[in-house]
Amino acid sequence: MKKLLFAACLLLTFGLSAQDMGTKYIGGTIGFGSTKAKADGAEASTNWSVSPEFGYFVAENLAVGIRLGIDGASQGDNSSSGFGADVYARKFFSASDAFRLFVGANVGYATSKNTTTVGGVEFDSKENHLSAFLDLGATYDLSEKWTLIGRLGTLGFSSVSDPDNDKAGSTNFGLNVNTFGNPFQVGLYYKF
């Protein structure tokens, strides 16, 4: 009986707080990293990313949005850069007035260019990335206008192809859950 009562209280708690239909938000994530190996002759590597995002609550606790992704990396004479976008729908479940969990459905496309130098000769390659995945995340309202958001894991499909070579590429299907680390991402949103 205690378990049944606890489950009923939990379900009621999840229904108490709602995101208002018509609320818009902007935000995203930025990242930077640099690695230097201790080995003699090792070159430092640097990577960065910027992911602005815009979303809109089309119904109570249901948001749709678009996220852009711009990134780059370099190590010595080698570099890569990419650009992409994905659209999503997120269903939110309130655990308290400030804390919510969400499940999202995402579809994305990105393109990247890699430049590799071997023996003084520069080689360029391009890749196209398609993805479709579900993600699990949580939000916490810092104030009426500011929200902290984190993504805890993904389940989905991705495909990488080379537009210049039909025989190159790969596909991946998998579950990736990690509470802190890859793919854990944290962002900040402003609601208006």
C-alpha atoms as a PDB file:
ATOM      1  CA  MET A   1       0.000   0.000   0.000  1.00  0.00           C
ATOM      2  CA  LYS A   2       2.884   2.370   0.810  1.00  0.00           C
ATOM      3  CA  LYS A   3       4.341   1.789  -2.667  1.00  0.00           C
ATOM      4  CA  LEU A   4       0.995   2.545  -4.314  1.00  0.00           C
ATOM      5  CA  LEU A   5       0.592   5.733  -2.260  1.00  0.00           C
ATOM      6  CA  PHE A   6       4.157   6.800  -3.097  1.00  0.00           C
ATOM      7  CA  ALA A   7       3.538   6.184  -6.835  1.00  0.00           C
ATOM      8  CA  ALA A   8       0.304   8.217  -6.731  1.00  0.00           C
ATOM      9  CA  CYS A   9       2.082  11.123  -4.988  1.00  0.00           C
ATOM     10  CA  LEU A  10       4.887  10.974  -7.529  1.00  0.00           C
ATOM     11  CA  LEU A  11       2.440  11.115 -10.450  1.00  0.00           C
ATOM     12  CA  LEU A  12       0.611  14.072  -8.890  1.00  0.00           C
ATOM     13  CA  THR A  13       3.915  15.880  -8.364  1.00  0.00           C
ATOM     14  CA  PHE A  14       4.836  15.391 -12.026  1.00  0.00           C
ATOM     15  CA  GLY A  15       1.643  17.182 -13.062  1.00  0.00           C
ATOM     16  CA  LEU A  16       1.829  20.272 -10.822  1.00  0.00           C
ATOM     17  CA  SER A  17       4.025  22.624 -12.860  1.00  0.00           C
ATOM     18  CA  ALA A  18       3.562  23.426 -16.553  1.00  0.00           C
ATOM     19  CA  GLN A  19       5.308  25.448 -19.209  1.00  0.00           C
ATOM     20  CA  ASP A  20       2.906  27.973 -20.684  1.00  0.00           C
ATOM     21  CA  MET A  21       1.856  27.679 -24.296  1.00  0.00           C
ATOM     22  CA  GLY A  22       3.332  30.539 -26.327  1.00  0.00           C
ATOM     23  CA  THR A  23       6.541  30.892 -24.271  1.00  0.00           C
ATOM     24  CA  LYS A  24       9.647  31.337 -26.441  1.00  0.00           C
ATOM     25  CA  TYR A  25      13.257  30.762 -25.447  1.00  0.00           C
ATOM     26  CA  ILE A  26      16.734  31.382 -26.827  1.00  0.00           C
ATOM     27  CA  GLY A  27      20.016  30.033 -25.570  1.00  0.00           C
ATOM     28  CA  GLY A  28      22.466  27.284 -26.302  1.00  0.00           C
ATOM     29  CA  THR A  29      25.906  26.027 -25.416  1.00  0.00           C
ATOM     30  CA  ILE A  30      29.505  26.986 -26.130  1.00  0.00           C
ATOM     31  CA  GLY A  31      32.598  24.888 -25.637  1.00  0.00           C
ATOM     32  CA  PHE A  32      36.373  25.079 -25.868  1.00  0.00           C
ATOM     33  CA  GLY A  33      39.107  22.551 -25.177  1.00  0.00           C
ATOM     34  CA  SER A  34      42.858  22.266 -25.553  1.00  0.00           C
ATOM     35  CA  THR A  35      45.041  19.191 -25.046  1.00  0.00           C
ATOM     36  CA  LYS A  36      48.822  18.937 -24.945  1.00  0.00           C
ATOM     37  CA  ALA A  37      50.448  15.509 -24.658  1.00  0.00           C
ATOM     38  CA  LYS A  38      53.695  15.192 -22.693  1.00  0.00           C
ATOM     39  CA  ALA A  39      55.391  13.097 -25.406  1.00  0.00           C
ATOM     40  CA  ASP A  40      58.282  14.697 -27.313  1.00  0.00           C
ATOM     41  CA  GLY A  41      57.130  16.277 -30.563  1.00  0.00           C
ATOM     42  CA  ALA A  42      53.433  16.043 -29.693  1.00  0.00           C
ATOM     43  CA  GLU A  43      51.382  18.939 -31.012  1.00  0.00           C
ATOM     44  CA  ALA A  44      48.627  20.556 -28.986  1.00  0.00           C
ATOM     45  CA  SER A  45      45.068  20.047 -30.164  1.00  0.00           C
ATOM     46  CA  THR A  46      42.309  22.621 -29.837  1.00  0.00           C
ATOM     47  CA  ASN A  47      38.562  22.278 -30.345  1.00  0.00           C
ATOM     48  CA  TRP A  48      35.619  24.644 -29.995  1.00  0.00           C
ATOM     49  CA  SER A  49      31.861  24.635 -30.548  1.00  0.00           C
ATOM     50  CA  VAL A  50      28.951  27.086 -30.563  1.00  0.00           C
ATOM     51  CA  SER A  51      25.342  25.836 -30.555  1.00  0.00           C
ATOM     52  CA  PRO A  52      22.670  28.567 -30.489  1.00  0.00           C
ATOM     53  CA  GLU A  53      19.083  27.420 -30.061  1.00  0.00           C
ATOM     54  CA  PHE A  54      15.546  28.778 -30.379  1.00  0.00           C
ATOM     55  CA  GLY A  55      12.398  27.080 -29.066  1.00  0.00           C
ATOM     56  CA  TYR A  56       8.672  27.678 -28.714  1.00  0.00           C
ATOM     57  CA  PHE A  57       6.065  26.009 -26.480  1.00  0.00           C
ATOM     58  CA  VAL A  58       3.274  25.015 -28.866  1.00  0.00           C
ATOM     59  CA  ALA A  59       1.200  23.470 -26.024  1.00  0.00           C
ATOM     60  CA  GLU A  60       1.442  22.935 -22.266  1.00  0.00           C
ATOM     61  CA  ASN A  61       4.770  21.155 -21.623  1.00  0.00           C
ATOM     62  CA  LEU A  62       5.454  20.587 -25.369  1.00  0.00           C
ATOM     63  CA  ALA A  63       8.188  22.604 -27.117  1.00  0.00           C
ATOM     64  CA  VAL A  64       9.531  22.577 -30.664  1.00  0.00           C
ATOM     65  CA  GLY A  65      12.844  24.125 -31.613  1.00  0.00           C
ATOM     66  CA  ILE A  66      15.877  24.373 -33.838  1.00  0.00           C
ATOM     67  CA  ARG A  67      19.503  24.101 -32.780  1.00  0.00           C
ATOM     68  CA  LEU A  68      22.456  25.164 -34.952  1.00  0.00           C
ATOM     69  CA  GLY A  69      25.909  23.676 -34.499  1.00  0.00           C
ATOM     70  CA  ILE A  70      29.196  25.269 -35.539  1.00  0.00           C
ATOM     71  CA  ASP A  71      32.471  23.632 -34.531  1.00  0.00           C
ATOM     72  CA  GLY A  72      36.134  23.353 -35.338  1.00  0.00           C
ATOM     73  CA  ALA A  73      39.308  21.566 -34.311  1.00  0.00           C
ATOM     74  CA  SER A  74      42.989  21.820 -35.117  1.00  0.00           C
ATOM     75  CA  GLN A  75      46.198  19.967 -34.377  1.00  0.00           C
ATOM     76  CA  GLY A  76      49.345  21.144 -36.121  1.00  0.00           C
ATOM     77  CA  ASP A  77      48.657  21.341 -39.865  1.00  0.00           C
ATOM     78  CA  ASN A  78      45.427  19.317 -39.565  1.00  0.00           C
ATOM     79  CA  SER A  79      42.050  20.957 -39.049  1.00  0.00           C
ATOM     80  CA  SER A  80      38.339  20.336 -39.293  1.00  0.00           C
ATOM     81  CA  SER A  81      35.235  22.494 -39.303  1.00  0.00           C
ATOM     82  CA  GLY A  82      31.544  21.732 -39.349  1.00  0.00           C
ATOM     83  CA  PHE A  83      28.102  23.258 -39.550  1.00  0.00           C
ATOM     84  CA  GLY A  84      24.707  21.687 -38.988  1.00  0.00           C
ATOM     85  CA  ALA A  85      21.207  22.038 -37.645  1.00  0.00           C
ATOM     86  CA  ASP A  86      18.641  19.846 -36.008  1.00  0.00           C
ATOM     87  CA  VAL A  87      14.967  20.289 -35.236  1.00  0.00           C
ATOM     88  CA  TYR A  88      13.309  18.790 -32.200  1.00  0.00           C
ATOM     89  CA  ALA A  89      10.141  18.344 -30.176  1.00  0.00           C
ATOM     90  CA  ARG A  90      10.395  17.987 -26.372  1.00  0.00           C
ATOM     91  CA  LYS A  91       7.769  16.738 -23.933  1.00  0.00           C
ATOM     92  CA  PHE A  92       8.318  18.026 -20.376  1.00  0.00           C
ATOM     93  CA  PHE A  93       7.301  16.326 -17.117  1.00  0.00           C
ATOM     94  CA  SER A  94       7.375  18.496 -13.992  1.00  0.00           C
ATOM     95  CA  ALA A  95       8.951  17.058 -10.858  1.00  0.00           C
ATOM     96  CA  SER A  96       8.600  20.337  -8.912  1.00  0.00           C
ATOM     97  CA  ASP A  97       7.931  24.011  -9.600  1.00  0.00           C
ATOM     98  CA  ALA A  98      11.507  24.495 -10.830  1.00  0.00           C
ATOM     99  CA  PHE A  99      12.713  21.023 -11.924  1.00  0.00           C
ATOM    100  CA  ARG A 100      11.469  19.191 -15.032  1.00  0.00           C
ATOM    101  CA  LEU A 101      12.507  16.137 -17.023  1.00  0.00           C
ATOM    102  CA  PHE A 102      12.053  15.965 -20.792  1.00  0.00           C
ATOM    103  CA  VAL A 103      12.091  13.445 -23.611  1.00  0.00           C
ATOM    104  CA  GLY A 104      12.938  14.817 -27.040  1.00  0.00           C
ATOM    105  CA  ALA A 105      12.695  13.586 -30.632  1.00  0.00           C
ATOM    106  CA  ASN A 106      15.440  15.065 -32.849  1.00  0.00           C
ATOM    107  CA  VAL A 107      16.324  15.010 -36.567  1.00  0.00           C
ATOM    108  CA  GLY A 108      19.527  16.636 -37.796  1.00  0.00           C
ATOM    109  CA  TYR A 109      21.888  17.263 -40.694  1.00  0.00           C
ATOM    110  CA  ALA A 110      25.491  18.488 -40.598  1.00  0.00           C
ATOM    111  CA  THR A 111      28.398  18.810 -42.963  1.00  0.00           C
ATOM    112  CA  SER A 112      32.078  18.887 -42.112  1.00  0.00           C
ATOM    113  CA  LYS A 113      35.383  19.495 -43.868  1.00  0.00           C
ATOM    114  CA  ASN A 114      38.669  17.932 -42.783  1.00  0.00           C
ATOM    115  CA  THR A 115      42.083  19.123 -43.951  1.00  0.00           C
ATOM    116  CA  THR A 116      45.049  16.796 -43.417  1.00  0.00           C
ATOM    117  CA  THR A 117      48.657  17.548 -44.371  1.00  0.00           C
ATOM    118  CA  VAL A 118      50.943  14.592 -45.110  1.00  0.00           C
ATOM    119  CA  GLY A 119      54.505  15.163 -46.318  1.00  0.00           C
ATOM    120  CA  GLY A 120      53.724  18.784 -47.155  1.00  0.00           C
ATOM    121  CA  VAL A 121      50.729  17.804 -49.318  1.00  0.00           C
ATOM    122  CA  GLU A 122      47.285  18.977 -48.202  1.00  0.00           C
ATOM    123  CA  PHE A 123      44.270  16.651 -48.534  1.00  0.00           C
ATOM    124  CA  ASP A 124      40.672  17.792 -48.086  1.00  0.00           C
ATOM    125  CA  SER A 125      37.724  15.539 -47.358  1.00  0.00           C
ATOM    126  CA  LYS A 126      34.058  16.250 -46.695  1.00  0.00           C
ATOM    127  CA  GLU A 127      31.408  14.371 -44.744  1.00  0.00           C
ATOM    128  CA  ASN A 128      27.634  14.612 -44.503  1.00  0.00           C
ATOM    129  CA  HIS A 129      25.999  13.572 -41.228  1.00  0.00           C
ATOM    130  CA  LEU A 130      22.329  12.583 -40.822  1.00  0.00           C
ATOM    131  CA  SER A 131      20.862  11.744 -37.425  1.00  0.00           C
ATOM    132  CA  ALA A 132      17.571  10.835 -35.788  1.00  0.00           C
ATOM    133  CA  PHE A 133      17.493  10.233 -32.060  1.00  0.00           C
ATOM    134  CA  LEU A 134      15.587  10.459 -28.805  1.00  0.00           C
ATOM    135  CA  ASP A 135      17.194  12.270 -25.907  1.00  0.00           C
ATOM    136  CA  LEU A 136      16.536  12.492 -22.193  1.00  0.00           C
ATOM    137  CA  GLY A 137      17.247  15.644 -20.229  1.00  0.00           C
ATOM    138  CA  ALA A 138      16.351  17.881 -17.337  1.00  0.00           C
ATOM    139  CA  THR A 139      15.765  21.591 -16.765  1.00  0.00           C
ATOM    140  CA  TYR A 140      15.972  23.718 -13.667  1.00  0.00           C
ATOM    141  CA  ASP A 141      14.484  27.233 -13.504  1.00  0.00           C
ATOM    142  CA  LEU A 142      17.056  29.581 -11.964  1.00  0.00           C
ATOM    143  CA  SER A 143      14.507  32.409 -12.137  1.00  0.00           C
ATOM    144  CA  GLU A 144      11.320  33.268 -14.004  1.00  0.00           C
ATOM    145  CA  LYS A 145      13.338  34.046 -17.167  1.00  0.00           C
ATOM    146  CA  TRP A 146      16.510  31.888 -16.894  1.00  0.00           C
ATOM    147  CA  THR A 147      16.607  28.088 -17.160  1.00  0.00           C
ATOM    148  CA  LEU A 148      19.522  25.662 -16.877  1.00  0.00           C
ATOM    149  CA  ILE A 149      19.197  22.609 -19.163  1.00  0.00           C
ATOM    150  CA  GLY A 150      21.171  19.379 -19.379  1.00  0.00           C
ATOM    151  CA  ARG A 151      20.989  16.397 -21.703  1.00  0.00           C
ATOM    152  CA  LEU A 152      21.691  13.054 -20.047  1.00  0.00           C
ATOM    153  CA  GLY A 153      21.614  10.555 -22.880  1.00  0.00           C
ATOM    154  CA  THR A 154      20.556   9.615 -26.383  1.00  0.00           C
ATOM    155  CA  LEU A 155      19.100   6.648 -28.262  1.00  0.00           C
ATOM    156  CA  GLY A 156      19.208   6.819 -32.009  1.00  0.00           C
ATOM    157  CA  PHE A 157      20.660   6.433 -35.454  1.00  0.00           C
ATOM    158  CA  SER A 158      23.348   8.353 -37.314  1.00  0.00           C
ATOM    159  CA  SER A 159      24.829   8.051 -40.779  1.00  0.00           C
ATOM    160  CA  VAL A 160      28.064   9.553 -42.126  1.00  0.00           C
ATOM    161  CA  SER A 161      28.732   9.707 -45.869  1.00  0.00           C
ATOM    162  CA  ASP A 162      31.416  11.142 -48.145  1.00  0.00           C
ATOM    163  CA  PRO A 163      29.861  13.081 -51.070  1.00  0.00           C
ATOM    164  CA  ASP A 164      32.980  12.382 -53.173  1.00  0.00           C
ATOM    165  CA  ASN A 165      33.157   8.630 -52.449  1.00  0.00           C
ATOM    166  CA  ASP A 166      30.039   6.417 -52.449  1.00  0.00           C
ATOM    167  CA  LYS A 167      31.934   3.547 -50.773  1.00  0.00           C
ATOM    168  CA  ALA A 168      33.062   5.573 -47.740  1.00  0.00           C
ATOM    169  CA  GLY A 169      30.935   6.230 -44.697  1.00  0.00           C
ATOM    170  CA  SER A 170      29.345   4.546 -41.719  1.00  0.00           C
ATOM    171  CA  THR A 171      26.094   4.071 -39.845  1.00  0.00           C
ATOM    172  CA  ASN A 172      25.556   3.820 -36.128  1.00  0.00           C
ATOM    173  CA  PHE A 173      22.644   2.858 -33.914  1.00  0.00           C
ATOM    174  CA  GLY A 174      23.011   2.952 -30.187  1.00  0.00           C
ATOM    175  CA  LEU A 175      22.183   3.993 -26.671  1.00  0.00           C
ATOM    176  CA  ASN A 176      24.482   6.434 -24.937  1.00  0.00           C
ATOM    177  CA  VAL A 177      23.660   7.278 -21.315  1.00  0.00           C
ATOM    178  CA  ASN A 178      26.084   8.998 -18.985  1.00  0.00           C
ATOM    179  CA  THR A 179      25.222  11.259 -16.086  1.00  0.00           C
ATOM    180  CA  PHE A 180      28.413  13.339 -16.239  1.00  0.00           C
ATOM    181  CA  GLY A 181      30.673  13.340 -19.274  1.00  0.00           C
ATOM    182  CA  ASN A 182      29.999  12.646 -22.918  1.00  0.00           C
ATOM    183  CA  PRO A 183      27.149  13.099 -23.950  1.00  0.00           C
ATOM    184  CA  PHE A 184      26.271  15.243 -20.919  1.00  0.00           C
ATOM    185  CA  GLN A 185      25.714  18.808 -22.091  1.00  0.00           C
ATOM    186  CA  VAL A 186      24.630  21.846 -20.124  1.00  0.00           C
ATOM    187  CA  GLY A 187      23.098  24.996 -21.572  1.00  0.00           C
ATOM    188  CA  LEU A 188      21.352  28.163 -20.443  1.00  0.00           C
ATOM    189  CA  TYR A 189      18.066  29.501 -21.857  1.00  0.00           C
ATOM    190  CA  TYR A 190      16.326  32.856 -21.630  1.00  0.00           C
ATOM    191  CA  LYS A 191      12.506  32.706 -21.806  1.00  0.00           C
ATOM    192  CA  PHE A 192      10.393  35.524 -23.231  1.00  0.00           C
END
